[in-house]
Amino acid sequence: MSRRFTPKIVTANRLREGDVVYLTADDRWSPFHHEAELIEDEAHAQMRLLFANAQKLTVVGAYLADARPGPNGPEPTHFREAFRTRGPSNYPHGKQADLAN
């Protein structure tokens, strides 16, 4: 018996800066998890992942991550993905510095 598909988002790292990015429904790469397209169909998820992997000059390491619907958009379900939304952990730069201002 196959497992039930859980909602996913497509995430990757921006090639130049290494920042975590999320694929939106309008084919943009956003640094914000809540702007990601929440995919609830397995076939559509695989198509979106193929689309992401074809963008070799923009992003690297694209994969599907579990997510759940939230009041402001998708929310991470695993601590690894929640951690990735906060940016680097060694000192405030990138997303952390932007949020501090």
PDB file of N, CA and C in Angstrom:
ATOM      1  N   MET A   1       0.846  -1.179   0.000  1.00  0.00           N
ATOM      2  CA  MET A   1       0.000   0.000   0.000  1.00  0.00           C
ATOM      3  C   MET A   1       0.893   1.245   0.000  1.00  0.00           C
ATOM      4  N   SER A   2       0.608   2.176  -0.881  1.00  0.00           N
ATOM      5  CA  SER A   2       1.421   3.385  -0.968  1.00  0.00           C
ATOM      6  C   SER A   2       1.026   4.380   0.118  1.00  0.00           C
ATOM      7  N   ARG A   3       1.999   5.201   0.450  1.00  0.00           N
ATOM      8  CA  ARG A   3       1.759   6.229   1.463  1.00  0.00           C
ATOM      9  C   ARG A   3       1.011   7.399   0.852  1.00  0.00           C
ATOM     10  N   ARG A   4       0.218   8.041   1.674  1.00  0.00           N
ATOM     11  CA  ARG A   4      -0.531   9.226   1.240  1.00  0.00           C
ATOM     12  C   ARG A   4       0.444  10.385   1.018  1.00  0.00           C
ATOM     13  N   PHE A   5       0.246  11.133  -0.054  1.00  0.00           N
ATOM     14  CA  PHE A   5       1.115  12.270  -0.368  1.00  0.00           C
ATOM     15  C   PHE A   5       0.854  13.404   0.613  1.00  0.00           C
ATOM     16  N   THR A   6       1.925  13.979   1.139  1.00  0.00           N
ATOM     17  CA  THR A   6       1.802  15.138   2.023  1.00  0.00           C
ATOM     18  C   THR A   6       2.193  16.390   1.237  1.00  0.00           C
ATOM     19  N   PRO A   7       1.598  17.541   1.544  1.00  0.00           N
ATOM     20  CA  PRO A   7       1.911  18.769   0.808  1.00  0.00           C
ATOM     21  C   PRO A   7       3.407  19.084   0.843  1.00  0.00           C
ATOM     22  N   LYS A   8       3.879  19.665  -0.247  1.00  0.00           N
ATOM     23  CA  LYS A   8       5.302  19.980  -0.400  1.00  0.00           C
ATOM     24  C   LYS A   8       5.483  21.390  -0.947  1.00  0.00           C
ATOM     25  N   ILE A   9       6.709  21.873  -0.785  1.00  0.00           N
ATOM     26  CA  ILE A   9       7.184  23.078  -1.465  1.00  0.00           C
ATOM     27  C   ILE A   9       8.489  22.705  -2.148  1.00  0.00           C
ATOM     28  N   VAL A  10       8.897  23.501  -3.125  1.00  0.00           N
ATOM     29  CA  VAL A  10      10.199  23.309  -3.766  1.00  0.00           C
ATOM     30  C   VAL A  10      11.137  24.345  -3.172  1.00  0.00           C
ATOM     31  N   THR A  11      12.273  23.869  -2.669  1.00  0.00           N
ATOM     32  CA  THR A  11      13.276  24.757  -2.105  1.00  0.00           C
ATOM     33  C   THR A  11      14.632  24.442  -2.717  1.00  0.00           C
ATOM     34  N   ALA A  12      15.518  25.424  -2.698  1.00  0.00           N
ATOM     35  CA  ALA A  12      16.859  25.272  -3.269  1.00  0.00           C
ATOM     36  C   ALA A  12      17.756  26.345  -2.644  1.00  0.00           C
ATOM     37  N   ASN A  13      18.974  26.446  -3.154  1.00  0.00           N
ATOM     38  CA  ASN A  13      19.877  27.521  -2.764  1.00  0.00           C
ATOM     39  C   ASN A  13      20.213  28.335  -3.998  1.00  0.00           C
ATOM     40  N   ARG A  14      20.196  29.649  -3.836  1.00  0.00           N
ATOM     41  CA  ARG A  14      20.542  30.534  -4.951  1.00  0.00           C
ATOM     42  C   ARG A  14      22.015  30.307  -5.288  1.00  0.00           C
ATOM     43  N   LEU A  15      22.318  30.151  -6.559  1.00  0.00           N
ATOM     44  CA  LEU A  15      23.654  29.793  -7.008  1.00  0.00           C
ATOM     45  C   LEU A  15      24.722  30.806  -6.588  1.00  0.00           C
ATOM     46  N   ARG A  16      24.464  32.071  -6.769  1.00  0.00           N
ATOM     47  CA  ARG A  16      25.497  33.092  -6.484  1.00  0.00           C
ATOM     48  C   ARG A  16      25.733  33.329  -4.999  1.00  0.00           C
ATOM     49  N   GLU A  17      24.663  33.528  -4.238  1.00  0.00           N
ATOM     50  CA  GLU A  17      24.812  33.890  -2.829  1.00  0.00           C
ATOM     51  C   GLU A  17      24.730  32.700  -1.886  1.00  0.00           C
ATOM     52  N   GLY A  18      24.106  31.626  -2.330  1.00  0.00           N
ATOM     53  CA  GLY A  18      23.911  30.477  -1.458  1.00  0.00           C
ATOM     54  C   GLY A  18      22.687  30.584  -0.571  1.00  0.00           C
ATOM     55  N   ASP A  19      21.913  31.658  -0.717  1.00  0.00           N
ATOM     56  CA  ASP A  19      20.725  31.858   0.116  1.00  0.00           C
ATOM     57  C   ASP A  19      19.666  30.797  -0.177  1.00  0.00           C
ATOM     58  N   VAL A  20      18.920  30.442   0.839  1.00  0.00           N
ATOM     59  CA  VAL A  20      17.786  29.538   0.690  1.00  0.00           C
ATOM     60  C   VAL A  20      16.679  30.285  -0.049  1.00  0.00           C
ATOM     61  N   VAL A  21      16.092  29.634  -1.042  1.00  0.00           N
ATOM     62  CA  VAL A  21      14.990  30.226  -1.801  1.00  0.00           C
ATOM     63  C   VAL A  21      13.890  29.190  -2.004  1.00  0.00           C
ATOM     64  N   TYR A  22      12.702  29.692  -2.304  1.00  0.00           N
ATOM     65  CA  TYR A  22      11.507  28.858  -2.453  1.00  0.00           C
ATOM     66  C   TYR A  22      10.819  29.206  -3.761  1.00  0.00           C
ATOM     67  N   LEU A  23      10.366  28.188  -4.481  1.00  0.00           N
ATOM     68  CA  LEU A  23       9.698  28.395  -5.759  1.00  0.00           C
ATOM     69  C   LEU A  23       8.253  28.822  -5.534  1.00  0.00           C
ATOM     70  N   THR A  24       7.861  29.928  -6.152  1.00  0.00           N
ATOM     71  CA  THR A  24       6.498  30.447  -6.017  1.00  0.00           C
ATOM     72  C   THR A  24       5.629  29.931  -7.163  1.00  0.00           C
ATOM     73  N   ALA A  25       4.337  30.107  -7.038  1.00  0.00           N
ATOM     74  CA  ALA A  25       3.393  29.649  -8.066  1.00  0.00           C
ATOM     75  C   ALA A  25       3.601  30.373  -9.391  1.00  0.00           C
ATOM     76  N   ASP A  26       4.162  31.594  -9.354  1.00  0.00           N
ATOM     77  CA  ASP A  26       4.400  32.343 -10.590  1.00  0.00           C
ATOM     78  C   ASP A  26       5.851  32.218 -11.072  1.00  0.00           C
ATOM     79  N   ASP A  27       6.510  31.125 -10.689  1.00  0.00           N
ATOM     80  CA  ASP A  27       7.850  30.756 -11.168  1.00  0.00           C
ATOM     81  C   ASP A  27       8.973  31.690 -10.727  1.00  0.00           C
ATOM     82  N   ARG A  28       8.802  32.401  -9.637  1.00  0.00           N
ATOM     83  CA  ARG A  28       9.878  33.220  -9.060  1.00  0.00           C
ATOM     84  C   ARG A  28      10.561  32.422  -7.955  1.00  0.00           C
ATOM     85  N   TRP A  29      11.771  32.815  -7.613  1.00  0.00           N
ATOM     86  CA  TRP A  29      12.466  32.266  -6.446  1.00  0.00           C
ATOM     87  C   TRP A  29      12.424  33.326  -5.350  1.00  0.00           C
ATOM     88  N   SER A  30      11.765  33.009  -4.263  1.00  0.00           N
ATOM     89  CA  SER A  30      11.581  33.952  -3.167  1.00  0.00           C
ATOM     90  C   SER A  30      12.415  33.522  -1.958  1.00  0.00           C
ATOM     91  N   PRO A  31      12.946  34.481  -1.196  1.00  0.00           N
ATOM     92  CA  PRO A  31      13.657  34.129   0.034  1.00  0.00           C
ATOM     93  C   PRO A  31      12.698  33.836   1.196  1.00  0.00           C
ATOM     94  N   PHE A  32      11.395  33.972   0.959  1.00  0.00           N
ATOM     95  CA  PHE A  32      10.412  33.820   2.033  1.00  0.00           C
ATOM     96  C   PHE A  32       9.598  32.537   1.887  1.00  0.00           C
ATOM     97  N   HIS A  33       9.651  31.708   2.906  1.00  0.00           N
ATOM     98  CA  HIS A  33       8.952  30.424   2.904  1.00  0.00           C
ATOM     99  C   HIS A  33       7.453  30.599   2.674  1.00  0.00           C
ATOM    100  N   HIS A  34       6.867  31.614   3.276  1.00  0.00           N
ATOM    101  CA  HIS A  34       5.414  31.789   3.166  1.00  0.00           C
ATOM    102  C   HIS A  34       4.958  32.166   1.755  1.00  0.00           C
ATOM    103  N   GLU A  35       5.877  32.544   0.875  1.00  0.00           N
ATOM    104  CA  GLU A  35       5.521  32.859  -0.508  1.00  0.00           C
ATOM    105  C   GLU A  35       5.619  31.640  -1.426  1.00  0.00           C
ATOM    106  N   ALA A  36       6.107  30.520  -0.915  1.00  0.00           N
ATOM    107  CA  ALA A  36       6.279  29.321  -1.735  1.00  0.00           C
ATOM    108  C   ALA A  36       4.933  28.766  -2.179  1.00  0.00           C
ATOM    109  N   GLU A  37       4.960  28.094  -3.298  1.00  0.00           N
ATOM    110  CA  GLU A  37       3.762  27.406  -3.792  1.00  0.00           C
ATOM    111  C   GLU A  37       3.586  26.125  -2.979  1.00  0.00           C
ATOM    112  N   LEU A  38       2.444  25.966  -2.346  1.00  0.00           N
ATOM    113  CA  LEU A  38       2.135  24.737  -1.615  1.00  0.00           C
ATOM    114  C   LEU A  38       1.529  23.749  -2.610  1.00  0.00           C
ATOM    115  N   ILE A  39       2.217  22.635  -2.799  1.00  0.00           N
ATOM    116  CA  ILE A  39       1.834  21.660  -3.812  1.00  0.00           C
ATOM    117  C   ILE A  39       1.175  20.467  -3.126  1.00  0.00           C
ATOM    118  N   GLU A  40      -0.049  20.170  -3.529  1.00  0.00           N
ATOM    119  CA  GLU A  40      -0.801  19.098  -2.871  1.00  0.00           C
ATOM    120  C   GLU A  40      -1.041  17.896  -3.779  1.00  0.00           C
ATOM    121  N   ASP A  41      -0.409  17.879  -4.943  1.00  0.00           N
ATOM    122  CA  ASP A  41      -0.546  16.772  -5.883  1.00  0.00           C
ATOM    123  C   ASP A  41       0.852  16.240  -6.220  1.00  0.00           C
ATOM    124  N   GLU A  42       1.043  14.930  -6.103  1.00  0.00           N
ATOM    125  CA  GLU A  42       2.369  14.341  -6.285  1.00  0.00           C
ATOM    126  C   GLU A  42       2.916  14.544  -7.698  1.00  0.00           C
ATOM    127  N   ALA A  43       2.090  14.372  -8.706  1.00  0.00           N
ATOM    128  CA  ALA A  43       2.551  14.555 -10.084  1.00  0.00           C
ATOM    129  C   ALA A  43       2.954  16.010 -10.335  1.00  0.00           C
ATOM    130  N   HIS A  44       2.162  16.943  -9.814  1.00  0.00           N
ATOM    131  CA  HIS A  44       2.495  18.369  -9.962  1.00  0.00           C
ATOM    132  C   HIS A  44       3.796  18.692  -9.227  1.00  0.00           C
ATOM    133  N   ALA A  45       3.994  18.087  -8.074  1.00  0.00           N
ATOM    134  CA  ALA A  45       5.227  18.303  -7.309  1.00  0.00           C
ATOM    135  C   ALA A  45       6.440  17.851  -8.108  1.00  0.00           C
ATOM    136  N   GLN A  46       6.344  16.702  -8.755  1.00  0.00           N
ATOM    137  CA  GLN A  46       7.464  16.213  -9.562  1.00  0.00           C
ATOM    138  C   GLN A  46       7.734  17.131 -10.754  1.00  0.00           C
ATOM    139  N   MET A  47       6.689  17.656 -11.367  1.00  0.00           N
ATOM    140  CA  MET A  47       6.856  18.595 -12.489  1.00  0.00           C
ATOM    141  C   MET A  47       7.540  19.882 -12.031  1.00  0.00           C
ATOM    142  N   ARG A  48       7.136  20.387 -10.873  1.00  0.00           N
ATOM    143  CA  ARG A  48       7.751  21.617 -10.343  1.00  0.00           C
ATOM    144  C   ARG A  48       9.217  21.379  -9.986  1.00  0.00           C
ATOM    145  N   LEU A  49       9.522  20.192  -9.472  1.00  0.00           N
ATOM    146  CA  LEU A  49      10.916  19.865  -9.156  1.00  0.00           C
ATOM    147  C   LEU A  49      11.749  19.779 -10.432  1.00  0.00           C
ATOM    148  N   LEU A  50      11.210  19.189 -11.485  1.00  0.00           N
ATOM    149  CA  LEU A  50      11.912  19.166 -12.774  1.00  0.00           C
ATOM    150  C   LEU A  50      12.158  20.586 -13.286  1.00  0.00           C
ATOM    151  N   PHE A  51      11.155  21.451 -13.152  1.00  0.00           N
ATOM    152  CA  PHE A  51      11.301  22.851 -13.545  1.00  0.00           C
ATOM    153  C   PHE A  51      12.444  23.512 -12.766  1.00  0.00           C
ATOM    154  N   ALA A  52      12.491  23.273 -11.463  1.00  0.00           N
ATOM    155  CA  ALA A  52      13.533  23.870 -10.621  1.00  0.00           C
ATOM    156  C   ALA A  52      14.918  23.345 -11.000  1.00  0.00           C
ATOM    157  N   ASN A  53      15.025  22.055 -11.209  1.00  0.00           N
ATOM    158  CA  ASN A  53      16.323  21.464 -11.541  1.00  0.00           C
ATOM    159  C   ASN A  53      16.832  21.901 -12.902  1.00  0.00           C
ATOM    160  N   ALA A  54      15.954  22.386 -13.769  1.00  0.00           N
ATOM    161  CA  ALA A  54      16.368  22.882 -15.087  1.00  0.00           C
ATOM    162  C   ALA A  54      16.986  24.276 -15.005  1.00  0.00           C
ATOM    163  N   GLN A  55      16.881  24.935 -13.868  1.00  0.00           N
ATOM    164  CA  GLN A  55      17.394  26.298 -13.713  1.00  0.00           C
ATOM    165  C   GLN A  55      18.802  26.289 -13.112  1.00  0.00           C
ATOM    166  N   LYS A  56      19.709  25.618 -13.787  1.00  0.00           N
ATOM    167  CA  LYS A  56      21.065  25.396 -13.282  1.00  0.00           C
ATOM    168  C   LYS A  56      21.900  26.663 -13.142  1.00  0.00           C
ATOM    169  N   LEU A  57      21.529  27.730 -13.824  1.00  0.00           N
ATOM    170  CA  LEU A  57      22.282  28.984 -13.714  1.00  0.00           C
ATOM    171  C   LEU A  57      21.731  29.890 -12.618  1.00  0.00           C
ATOM    172  N   THR A  58      20.655  29.454 -11.961  1.00  0.00           N
ATOM    173  CA  THR A  58      20.008  30.266 -10.924  1.00  0.00           C
ATOM    174  C   THR A  58      20.071  29.612  -9.558  1.00  0.00           C
ATOM    175  N   VAL A  59      19.744  28.313  -9.483  1.00  0.00           N
ATOM    176  CA  VAL A  59      19.686  27.614  -8.193  1.00  0.00           C
ATOM    177  C   VAL A  59      20.387  26.260  -8.264  1.00  0.00           C
ATOM    178  N   VAL A  60      20.754  25.760  -7.091  1.00  0.00           N
ATOM    179  CA  VAL A  60      21.346  24.428  -6.969  1.00  0.00           C
ATOM    180  C   VAL A  60      20.655  23.685  -5.833  1.00  0.00           C
ATOM    181  N   GLY A  61      20.694  22.372  -5.910  1.00  0.00           N
ATOM    182  CA  GLY A  61      20.206  21.545  -4.815  1.00  0.00           C
ATOM    183  C   GLY A  61      18.717  21.604  -4.573  1.00  0.00           C
ATOM    184  N   ALA A  62      17.925  21.729  -5.618  1.00  0.00           N
ATOM    185  CA  ALA A  62      16.467  21.807  -5.441  1.00  0.00           C
ATOM    186  C   ALA A  62      15.921  20.476  -4.934  1.00  0.00           C
ATOM    187  N   TYR A  63      14.961  20.563  -4.028  1.00  0.00           N
ATOM    188  CA  TYR A  63      14.287  19.360  -3.534  1.00  0.00           C
ATOM    189  C   TYR A  63      12.906  19.724  -3.005  1.00  0.00           C
ATOM    190  N   LEU A  64      12.095  18.699  -2.797  1.00  0.00           N
ATOM    191  CA  LEU A  64      10.754  18.865  -2.240  1.00  0.00           C
ATOM    192  C   LEU A  64      10.830  18.751  -0.725  1.00  0.00           C
ATOM    193  N   ALA A  65      10.237  19.704  -0.043  1.00  0.00           N
ATOM    194  CA  ALA A  65      10.215  19.702   1.422  1.00  0.00           C
ATOM    195  C   ALA A  65       8.765  19.673   1.897  1.00  0.00           C
ATOM    196  N   ASP A  66       8.515  18.909   2.948  1.00  0.00           N
ATOM    197  CA  ASP A  66       7.173  18.859   3.529  1.00  0.00           C
ATOM    198  C   ASP A  66       6.781  20.226   4.071  1.00  0.00           C
ATOM    199  N   ALA A  67       5.523  20.558   3.904  1.00  0.00           N
ATOM    200  CA  ALA A  67       4.988  21.825   4.412  1.00  0.00           C
ATOM    201  C   ALA A  67       3.515  21.621   4.730  1.00  0.00           C
ATOM    202  N   ARG A  68       2.956  22.586   5.431  1.00  0.00           N
ATOM    203  CA  ARG A  68       1.527  22.538   5.741  1.00  0.00           C
ATOM    204  C   ARG A  68       0.940  23.927   5.498  1.00  0.00           C
ATOM    205  N   PRO A  69      -0.352  23.981   5.222  1.00  0.00           N
ATOM    206  CA  PRO A  69      -0.977  25.293   5.036  1.00  0.00           C
ATOM    207  C   PRO A  69      -0.955  26.081   6.346  1.00  0.00           C
ATOM    208  N   GLY A  70      -0.710  27.366   6.250  1.00  0.00           N
ATOM    209  CA  GLY A  70      -0.737  28.247   7.412  1.00  0.00           C
ATOM    210  C   GLY A  70      -1.553  29.477   7.095  1.00  0.00           C
ATOM    211  N   PRO A  71      -1.780  30.323   8.074  1.00  0.00           N
ATOM    212  CA  PRO A  71      -2.606  31.516   7.849  1.00  0.00           C
ATOM    213  C   PRO A  71      -1.995  32.508   6.857  1.00  0.00           C
ATOM    214  N   ASN A  72      -0.648  32.511   6.728  1.00  0.00           N
ATOM    215  CA  ASN A  72       0.025  33.448   5.824  1.00  0.00           C
ATOM    216  C   ASN A  72       0.723  32.754   4.673  1.00  0.00           C
ATOM    217  N   GLY A  73       0.447  31.479   4.470  1.00  0.00           N
ATOM    218  CA  GLY A  73       1.116  30.707   3.427  1.00  0.00           C
ATOM    219  C   GLY A  73       1.692  29.435   4.024  1.00  0.00           C
ATOM    220  N   PRO A  74       2.462  28.688   3.235  1.00  0.00           N
ATOM    221  CA  PRO A  74       3.008  27.428   3.732  1.00  0.00           C
ATOM    222  C   PRO A  74       3.900  27.619   4.959  1.00  0.00           C
ATOM    223  N   GLU A  75       3.851  26.618   5.839  1.00  0.00           N
ATOM    224  CA  GLU A  75       4.699  26.603   7.030  1.00  0.00           C
ATOM    225  C   GLU A  75       5.506  25.313   7.030  1.00  0.00           C
ATOM    226  N   PRO A  76       6.752  25.365   7.509  1.00  0.00           N
ATOM    227  CA  PRO A  76       7.557  24.145   7.555  1.00  0.00           C
ATOM    228  C   PRO A  76       7.004  23.151   8.580  1.00  0.00           C
ATOM    229  N   THR A  77       7.203  21.856   8.303  1.00  0.00           N
ATOM    230  CA  THR A  77       6.763  20.832   9.249  1.00  0.00           C
ATOM    231  C   THR A  77       7.937  20.156   9.948  1.00  0.00           C
ATOM    232  N   HIS A  78       9.139  20.370   9.450  1.00  0.00           N
ATOM    233  CA  HIS A  78      10.326  19.732  10.015  1.00  0.00           C
ATOM    234  C   HIS A  78      11.273  20.810  10.542  1.00  0.00           C
ATOM    235  N   PHE A  79      11.975  20.497  11.634  1.00  0.00           N
ATOM    236  CA  PHE A  79      12.855  21.510  12.232  1.00  0.00           C
ATOM    237  C   PHE A  79      13.947  21.960  11.278  1.00  0.00           C
ATOM    238  N   ARG A  80      14.408  21.080  10.376  1.00  0.00           N
ATOM    239  CA  ARG A  80      15.449  21.472   9.429  1.00  0.00           C
ATOM    240  C   ARG A  80      14.958  22.600   8.534  1.00  0.00           C
ATOM    241  N   GLU A  81      13.742  22.465   8.042  1.00  0.00           N
ATOM    242  CA  GLU A  81      13.192  23.496   7.171  1.00  0.00           C
ATOM    243  C   GLU A  81      12.892  24.777   7.947  1.00  0.00           C
ATOM    244  N   ALA A  82      12.433  24.654   9.174  1.00  0.00           N
ATOM    245  CA  ALA A  82      12.204  25.847  10.005  1.00  0.00           C
ATOM    246  C   ALA A  82      13.529  26.575  10.233  1.00  0.00           C
ATOM    247  N   PHE A  83      14.589  25.820  10.461  1.00  0.00           N
ATOM    248  CA  PHE A  83      15.920  26.390  10.663  1.00  0.00           C
ATOM    249  C   PHE A  83      16.402  27.111   9.405  1.00  0.00           C
ATOM    250  N   ARG A  84      16.151  26.521   8.240  1.00  0.00           N
ATOM    251  CA  ARG A  84      16.586  27.124   6.979  1.00  0.00           C
ATOM    252  C   ARG A  84      15.881  28.452   6.709  1.00  0.00           C
ATOM    253  N   THR A  85      14.679  28.652   7.239  1.00  0.00           N
ATOM    254  CA  THR A  85      13.962  29.910   7.009  1.00  0.00           C
ATOM    255  C   THR A  85      14.616  31.083   7.734  1.00  0.00           C
ATOM    256  N   ARG A  86      15.424  30.787   8.750  1.00  0.00           N
ATOM    257  CA  ARG A  86      16.018  31.852   9.564  1.00  0.00           C
ATOM    258  C   ARG A  86      17.379  32.319   9.082  1.00  0.00           C
ATOM    259  N   GLY A  87      17.967  31.633   8.121  1.00  0.00           N
ATOM    260  CA  GLY A  87      19.250  32.068   7.578  1.00  0.00           C
ATOM    261  C   GLY A  87      20.422  31.540   8.377  1.00  0.00           C
ATOM    262  N   PRO A  88      21.628  32.044   8.101  1.00  0.00           N
ATOM    263  CA  PRO A  88      22.847  31.555   8.753  1.00  0.00           C
ATOM    264  C   PRO A  88      22.769  31.677  10.278  1.00  0.00           C
ATOM    265  N   SER A  89      23.411  30.749  10.965  1.00  0.00           N
ATOM    266  CA  SER A  89      23.302  30.730  12.421  1.00  0.00           C
ATOM    267  C   SER A  89      24.548  31.224  13.148  1.00  0.00           C
ATOM    268  N   ASN A  90      25.641  31.505  12.432  1.00  0.00           N
ATOM    269  CA  ASN A  90      26.870  31.860  13.132  1.00  0.00           C
ATOM    270  C   ASN A  90      26.952  33.325  13.557  1.00  0.00           C
ATOM    271  N   TYR A  91      26.356  34.236  12.835  1.00  0.00           N
ATOM    272  CA  TYR A  91      26.268  35.641  13.231  1.00  0.00           C
ATOM    273  C   TYR A  91      25.215  36.319  12.373  1.00  0.00           C
ATOM    274  N   PRO A  92      24.665  37.444  12.856  1.00  0.00           N
ATOM    275  CA  PRO A  92      23.573  38.090  12.108  1.00  0.00           C
ATOM    276  C   PRO A  92      24.035  38.654  10.758  1.00  0.00           C
ATOM    277  N   HIS A  93      23.670  37.992   9.692  1.00  0.00           N
ATOM    278  CA  HIS A  93      23.848  38.501   8.334  1.00  0.00           C
ATOM    279  C   HIS A  93      22.775  37.858   7.469  1.00  0.00           C
ATOM    280  N   GLY A  94      22.623  38.348   6.276  1.00  0.00           N
ATOM    281  CA  GLY A  94      21.576  37.820   5.413  1.00  0.00           C
ATOM    282  C   GLY A  94      20.200  38.121   5.976  1.00  0.00           C
ATOM    283  N   LYS A  95      19.334  37.110   6.038  1.00  0.00           N
ATOM    284  CA  LYS A  95      17.966  37.286   6.516  1.00  0.00           C
ATOM    285  C   LYS A  95      17.933  37.798   7.953  1.00  0.00           C
ATOM    286  N   GLN A  96      18.852  37.308   8.791  1.00  0.00           N
ATOM    287  CA  GLN A  96      18.853  37.741  10.192  1.00  0.00           C
ATOM    288  C   GLN A  96      19.109  39.231  10.308  1.00  0.00           C
ATOM    289  N   ALA A  97      20.035  39.758   9.537  1.00  0.00           N
ATOM    290  CA  ALA A  97      20.326  41.187   9.589  1.00  0.00           C
ATOM    291  C   ALA A  97      19.155  41.997   9.041  1.00  0.00           C
ATOM    292  N   ASP A  98      18.532  41.496   7.975  1.00  0.00           N
ATOM    293  CA  ASP A  98      17.375  42.190   7.395  1.00  0.00           C
ATOM    294  C   ASP A  98      16.230  42.268   8.393  1.00  0.00           C
ATOM    295  N   LEU A  99      15.999  41.193   9.134  1.00  0.00           N
ATOM    296  CA  LEU A  99      14.901  41.175  10.109  1.00  0.00           C
ATOM    297  C   LEU A  99      15.196  42.039  11.333  1.00  0.00           C
ATOM    298  N   ALA A 100      16.477  42.263  11.630  1.00  0.00           N
ATOM    299  CA  ALA A 100      16.848  43.064  12.805  1.00  0.00           C
ATOM    300  C   ALA A 100      16.577  44.555  12.567  1.00  0.00           C
ATOM    301  N   ASN A 101      16.586  44.958  11.300  1.00  0.00           N
ATOM    302  CA  ASN A 101      16.395  46.389  10.974  1.00  0.00           C
ATOM    303  C   ASN A 101      14.960  46.768  10.916  1.00  0.00           C
TER     304      ASN A 101
END
